[in-house]
Amino acid sequence: MESIKRIEIITNYLELKPVIDILNQAGVSGYSVITNVTGSGDRGKVIDDLEIAALTNVYVLSICQQEKEEQVVAAITPLIKKFGGVCIVSDAKWIAH
């Protein structure tokens, strides 16, 4: 097993491309995206009653080597501050296939 960092990002659907660009620029090539994420946070409730993608959130899950963590966090922080959302980085173990 390899020690890695697990990166979880929840942000507005319109910010999905910039988030993926940030991951790619940091050399983080793999990610999974879950659309139509609903919930409640410091900016209130996010619901998908209107079924308009631009008004919903997305969840992006990725992993990276520990040395890339700071680059990803530094690049994602301004986006999260401006548009809202959350970025969680935690320790994880990767079972290589």
N, C-alpha and C. Protein backbone atom coordinates (compact mmCIF):
# COMPACT_ATOMS: atom_id res chain seq x y z
N MET A 1 0.84 -1.19 0.00
CA MET A 1 0.00 0.00 0.00
C MET A 1 0.88 1.24 0.00
N GLU A 2 0.36 2.28 -0.64
CA GLU A 2 1.07 3.54 -0.74
C GLU A 2 0.31 4.62 0.03
N SER A 3 1.02 5.43 0.81
CA SER A 3 0.40 6.55 1.50
C SER A 3 0.14 7.67 0.49
N ILE A 4 -1.10 8.17 0.48
CA ILE A 4 -1.51 9.22 -0.45
C ILE A 4 -2.37 10.23 0.28
N LYS A 5 -2.78 11.25 -0.43
CA LYS A 5 -3.74 12.24 0.07
C LYS A 5 -5.04 12.07 -0.72
N ARG A 6 -6.14 12.04 0.00
CA ARG A 6 -7.47 11.97 -0.61
C ARG A 6 -8.00 13.40 -0.67
N ILE A 7 -8.42 13.83 -1.83
CA ILE A 7 -8.92 15.19 -2.02
C ILE A 7 -10.39 15.11 -2.40
N GLU A 8 -11.23 15.78 -1.61
CA GLU A 8 -12.66 15.85 -1.87
C GLU A 8 -13.04 17.32 -2.03
N ILE A 9 -13.67 17.63 -3.14
CA ILE A 9 -14.05 19.01 -3.43
C ILE A 9 -15.53 19.05 -3.77
N ILE A 10 -16.26 19.94 -3.10
CA ILE A 10 -17.65 20.19 -3.44
C ILE A 10 -17.75 21.66 -3.81
N THR A 11 -18.24 21.92 -5.02
CA THR A 11 -18.38 23.30 -5.47
C THR A 11 -19.51 23.38 -6.49
N ASN A 12 -19.79 24.59 -6.94
CA ASN A 12 -20.83 24.82 -7.93
C ASN A 12 -20.49 24.14 -9.25
N TYR A 13 -21.49 23.63 -9.93
CA TYR A 13 -21.30 22.93 -11.20
C TYR A 13 -20.51 23.77 -12.21
N LEU A 14 -20.73 25.09 -12.22
CA LEU A 14 -20.04 25.95 -13.16
C LEU A 14 -18.53 26.01 -12.91
N GLU A 15 -18.09 25.60 -11.73
CA GLU A 15 -16.67 25.61 -11.40
C GLU A 15 -16.00 24.26 -11.62
N LEU A 16 -16.71 23.31 -12.20
CA LEU A 16 -16.15 21.97 -12.42
C LEU A 16 -14.93 22.02 -13.34
N LYS A 17 -15.02 22.72 -14.46
CA LYS A 17 -13.88 22.79 -15.38
C LYS A 17 -12.66 23.42 -14.72
N PRO A 18 -12.80 24.56 -14.02
CA PRO A 18 -11.62 25.11 -13.33
C PRO A 18 -11.03 24.15 -12.30
N VAL A 19 -11.86 23.40 -11.60
CA VAL A 19 -11.37 22.43 -10.61
C VAL A 19 -10.55 21.34 -11.32
N ILE A 20 -11.08 20.82 -12.41
CA ILE A 20 -10.37 19.79 -13.16
C ILE A 20 -9.07 20.35 -13.74
N ASP A 21 -9.11 21.59 -14.21
CA ASP A 21 -7.89 22.23 -14.72
C ASP A 21 -6.83 22.33 -13.62
N ILE A 22 -7.24 22.68 -12.41
CA ILE A 22 -6.31 22.78 -11.27
C ILE A 22 -5.68 21.42 -11.00
N LEU A 23 -6.49 20.37 -10.99
CA LEU A 23 -5.96 19.03 -10.75
C LEU A 23 -4.97 18.63 -11.84
N ASN A 24 -5.33 18.89 -13.09
CA ASN A 24 -4.44 18.54 -14.20
C ASN A 24 -3.13 19.31 -14.14
N GLN A 25 -3.18 20.61 -13.83
CA GLN A 25 -1.97 21.42 -13.75
C GLN A 25 -1.04 20.94 -12.64
N ALA A 26 -1.62 20.37 -11.60
CA ALA A 26 -0.82 19.84 -10.49
C ALA A 26 -0.30 18.44 -10.78
N GLY A 27 -0.69 17.88 -11.91
CA GLY A 27 -0.26 16.53 -12.25
C GLY A 27 -1.12 15.44 -11.64
N VAL A 28 -2.32 15.81 -11.22
CA VAL A 28 -3.27 14.85 -10.66
C VAL A 28 -4.23 14.50 -11.79
N SER A 29 -4.07 13.32 -12.38
CA SER A 29 -4.80 13.00 -13.60
C SER A 29 -6.11 12.24 -13.37
N GLY A 30 -6.26 11.61 -12.24
CA GLY A 30 -7.46 10.81 -12.01
C GLY A 30 -8.42 11.49 -11.07
N TYR A 31 -9.70 11.38 -11.39
CA TYR A 31 -10.73 11.95 -10.52
C TYR A 31 -12.07 11.31 -10.86
N SER A 32 -12.99 11.41 -9.92
CA SER A 32 -14.37 10.99 -10.14
C SER A 32 -15.27 12.18 -9.83
N VAL A 33 -16.36 12.33 -10.58
CA VAL A 33 -17.28 13.44 -10.40
C VAL A 33 -18.68 12.90 -10.15
N ILE A 34 -19.32 13.41 -9.12
CA ILE A 34 -20.72 13.12 -8.85
C ILE A 34 -21.47 14.43 -9.00
N THR A 35 -22.49 14.45 -9.86
CA THR A 35 -23.25 15.67 -10.11
C THR A 35 -24.52 15.70 -9.25
N ASN A 36 -25.18 16.84 -9.25
CA ASN A 36 -26.43 17.06 -8.52
C ASN A 36 -26.28 16.78 -7.03
N VAL A 37 -25.24 17.34 -6.43
CA VAL A 37 -24.99 17.18 -5.00
C VAL A 37 -25.82 18.20 -4.25
N THR A 38 -26.58 17.75 -3.29
CA THR A 38 -27.41 18.65 -2.50
C THR A 38 -26.98 18.59 -1.04
N GLY A 39 -27.35 19.61 -0.30
CA GLY A 39 -27.01 19.64 1.11
C GLY A 39 -27.18 21.03 1.68
N SER A 40 -26.55 21.25 2.81
CA SER A 40 -26.65 22.54 3.48
C SER A 40 -25.28 22.91 4.03
N GLY A 41 -24.95 24.19 3.93
CA GLY A 41 -23.66 24.67 4.42
C GLY A 41 -23.77 26.10 4.89
N ASP A 42 -22.64 26.77 5.00
CA ASP A 42 -22.65 28.13 5.51
C ASP A 42 -23.30 29.12 4.55
N ARG A 43 -23.53 28.73 3.32
CA ARG A 43 -24.23 29.59 2.36
C ARG A 43 -25.68 29.17 2.16
N GLY A 44 -26.18 28.31 3.04
CA GLY A 44 -27.57 27.87 2.97
C GLY A 44 -27.72 26.51 2.30
N LYS A 45 -28.98 26.19 2.00
CA LYS A 45 -29.28 24.89 1.39
C LYS A 45 -29.06 24.93 -0.11
N VAL A 46 -28.60 23.80 -0.64
CA VAL A 46 -28.47 23.61 -2.08
C VAL A 46 -29.43 22.49 -2.45
N ILE A 47 -30.40 22.83 -3.30
CA ILE A 47 -31.38 21.84 -3.72
C ILE A 47 -31.39 21.77 -5.24
N ASP A 48 -31.93 20.70 -5.78
CA ASP A 48 -31.96 20.55 -7.23
C ASP A 48 -33.39 20.49 -7.76
N ASP A 49 -34.32 21.17 -7.09
CA ASP A 49 -35.71 21.15 -7.51
C ASP A 49 -35.92 21.66 -8.94
N LEU A 50 -35.11 22.63 -9.34
CA LEU A 50 -35.27 23.22 -10.66
C LEU A 50 -34.62 22.39 -11.75
N GLU A 51 -33.77 21.46 -11.34
CA GLU A 51 -33.04 20.59 -12.27
C GLU A 51 -32.27 21.39 -13.30
N ILE A 52 -31.71 22.51 -12.87
CA ILE A 52 -30.85 23.31 -13.73
C ILE A 52 -29.43 23.06 -13.25
N ALA A 53 -28.62 22.48 -14.10
CA ALA A 53 -27.26 22.07 -13.70
C ALA A 53 -26.46 23.22 -13.11
N ALA A 54 -26.62 24.42 -13.65
CA ALA A 54 -25.83 25.57 -13.20
C ALA A 54 -26.11 25.92 -11.75
N LEU A 55 -27.25 25.50 -11.22
CA LEU A 55 -27.61 25.84 -9.85
C LEU A 55 -27.28 24.73 -8.86
N THR A 56 -26.68 23.64 -9.34
CA THR A 56 -26.39 22.52 -8.45
C THR A 56 -24.89 22.45 -8.16
N ASN A 57 -24.56 21.59 -7.23
CA ASN A 57 -23.16 21.38 -6.86
C ASN A 57 -22.65 20.07 -7.44
N VAL A 58 -21.32 19.95 -7.47
CA VAL A 58 -20.66 18.72 -7.88
C VAL A 58 -19.68 18.30 -6.80
N TYR A 59 -19.43 17.00 -6.73
CA TYR A 59 -18.47 16.42 -5.80
C TYR A 59 -17.36 15.81 -6.64
N VAL A 60 -16.13 16.24 -6.38
CA VAL A 60 -14.98 15.72 -7.10
C VAL A 60 -14.09 14.98 -6.10
N LEU A 61 -13.81 13.73 -6.40
CA LEU A 61 -12.94 12.90 -5.56
C LEU A 61 -11.69 12.58 -6.34
N SER A 62 -10.54 12.81 -5.72
CA SER A 62 -9.27 12.50 -6.36
C SER A 62 -8.27 12.10 -5.30
N ILE A 63 -7.14 11.60 -5.76
CA ILE A 63 -6.03 11.28 -4.87
C ILE A 63 -4.76 11.84 -5.48
N CYS A 64 -3.78 12.09 -4.64
CA CYS A 64 -2.49 12.55 -5.14
C CYS A 64 -1.38 12.12 -4.19
N GLN A 65 -0.16 12.21 -4.70
CA GLN A 65 0.98 11.96 -3.84
C GLN A 65 1.09 13.11 -2.84
N GLN A 66 1.66 12.82 -1.70
CA GLN A 66 1.73 13.79 -0.62
C GLN A 66 2.42 15.08 -1.05
N GLU A 67 3.42 14.99 -1.91
CA GLU A 67 4.17 16.19 -2.31
C GLU A 67 3.36 17.12 -3.22
N LYS A 68 2.25 16.66 -3.78
CA LYS A 68 1.40 17.50 -4.63
C LYS A 68 0.27 18.16 -3.86
N GLU A 69 0.08 17.77 -2.61
CA GLU A 69 -1.03 18.28 -1.80
C GLU A 69 -1.02 19.80 -1.71
N GLU A 70 0.12 20.39 -1.37
CA GLU A 70 0.19 21.84 -1.18
C GLU A 70 -0.12 22.59 -2.46
N GLN A 71 0.32 22.10 -3.60
CA GLN A 71 0.06 22.76 -4.87
C GLN A 71 -1.44 22.76 -5.17
N VAL A 72 -2.10 21.64 -4.95
CA VAL A 72 -3.54 21.55 -5.19
C VAL A 72 -4.29 22.48 -4.24
N VAL A 73 -3.96 22.43 -2.97
CA VAL A 73 -4.66 23.25 -1.97
C VAL A 73 -4.46 24.74 -2.25
N ALA A 74 -3.24 25.15 -2.59
CA ALA A 74 -2.96 26.56 -2.88
C ALA A 74 -3.77 27.04 -4.08
N ALA A 75 -3.93 26.19 -5.08
CA ALA A 75 -4.66 26.58 -6.29
C ALA A 75 -6.17 26.55 -6.10
N ILE A 76 -6.67 25.64 -5.27
CA ILE A 76 -8.12 25.50 -5.11
C ILE A 76 -8.69 26.49 -4.10
N THR A 77 -7.88 26.95 -3.16
CA THR A 77 -8.36 27.83 -2.09
C THR A 77 -9.02 29.11 -2.62
N PRO A 78 -8.41 29.86 -3.55
CA PRO A 78 -9.08 31.07 -4.05
C PRO A 78 -10.43 30.78 -4.71
N LEU A 79 -10.53 29.67 -5.43
CA LEU A 79 -11.78 29.31 -6.08
C LEU A 79 -12.86 29.03 -5.05
N ILE A 80 -12.52 28.28 -4.00
CA ILE A 80 -13.49 27.95 -2.95
C ILE A 80 -13.92 29.23 -2.21
N LYS A 81 -12.98 30.11 -1.95
CA LYS A 81 -13.31 31.36 -1.25
C LYS A 81 -14.23 32.24 -2.08
N LYS A 82 -14.01 32.27 -3.39
CA LYS A 82 -14.81 33.14 -4.26
C LYS A 82 -16.19 32.58 -4.55
N PHE A 83 -16.27 31.29 -4.86
CA PHE A 83 -17.52 30.70 -5.31
C PHE A 83 -18.21 29.80 -4.29
N GLY A 84 -17.56 29.56 -3.15
CA GLY A 84 -18.15 28.69 -2.14
C GLY A 84 -17.79 27.24 -2.38
N GLY A 85 -18.12 26.44 -1.42
CA GLY A 85 -17.82 25.03 -1.51
C GLY A 85 -16.89 24.61 -0.40
N VAL A 86 -16.34 23.44 -0.55
CA VAL A 86 -15.46 22.90 0.47
C VAL A 86 -14.41 22.02 -0.19
N CYS A 87 -13.23 22.00 0.41
CA CYS A 87 -12.16 21.11 -0.03
C CYS A 87 -11.63 20.41 1.21
N ILE A 88 -11.65 19.10 1.19
CA ILE A 88 -11.19 18.29 2.32
C ILE A 88 -10.02 17.44 1.84
N VAL A 89 -8.93 17.50 2.57
CA VAL A 89 -7.76 16.68 2.27
C VAL A 89 -7.49 15.80 3.47
N SER A 90 -7.37 14.50 3.23
CA SER A 90 -7.13 13.56 4.33
C SER A 90 -6.10 12.52 3.90
N ASP A 91 -5.51 11.89 4.90
CA ASP A 91 -4.56 10.81 4.64
C ASP A 91 -5.33 9.55 4.22
N ALA A 92 -4.73 8.82 3.31
CA ALA A 92 -5.35 7.58 2.85
C ALA A 92 -4.26 6.60 2.44
N LYS A 93 -4.65 5.39 2.21
CA LYS A 93 -3.76 4.34 1.69
C LYS A 93 -4.34 3.86 0.38
N TRP A 94 -3.47 3.70 -0.60
CA TRP A 94 -3.88 3.26 -1.92
C TRP A 94 -3.36 1.86 -2.15
N ILE A 95 -4.24 0.99 -2.54
CA ILE A 95 -3.85 -0.37 -2.91
C ILE A 95 -3.66 -0.37 -4.42
N ALA A 96 -2.42 -0.41 -4.84
CA ALA A 96 -2.11 -0.37 -6.28
C ALA A 96 -2.64 -1.61 -6.98
N HIS A 97 -3.13 -1.43 -8.18
CA HIS A 97 -3.68 -2.55 -8.95
C HIS A 97 -2.73 -3.01 -10.03
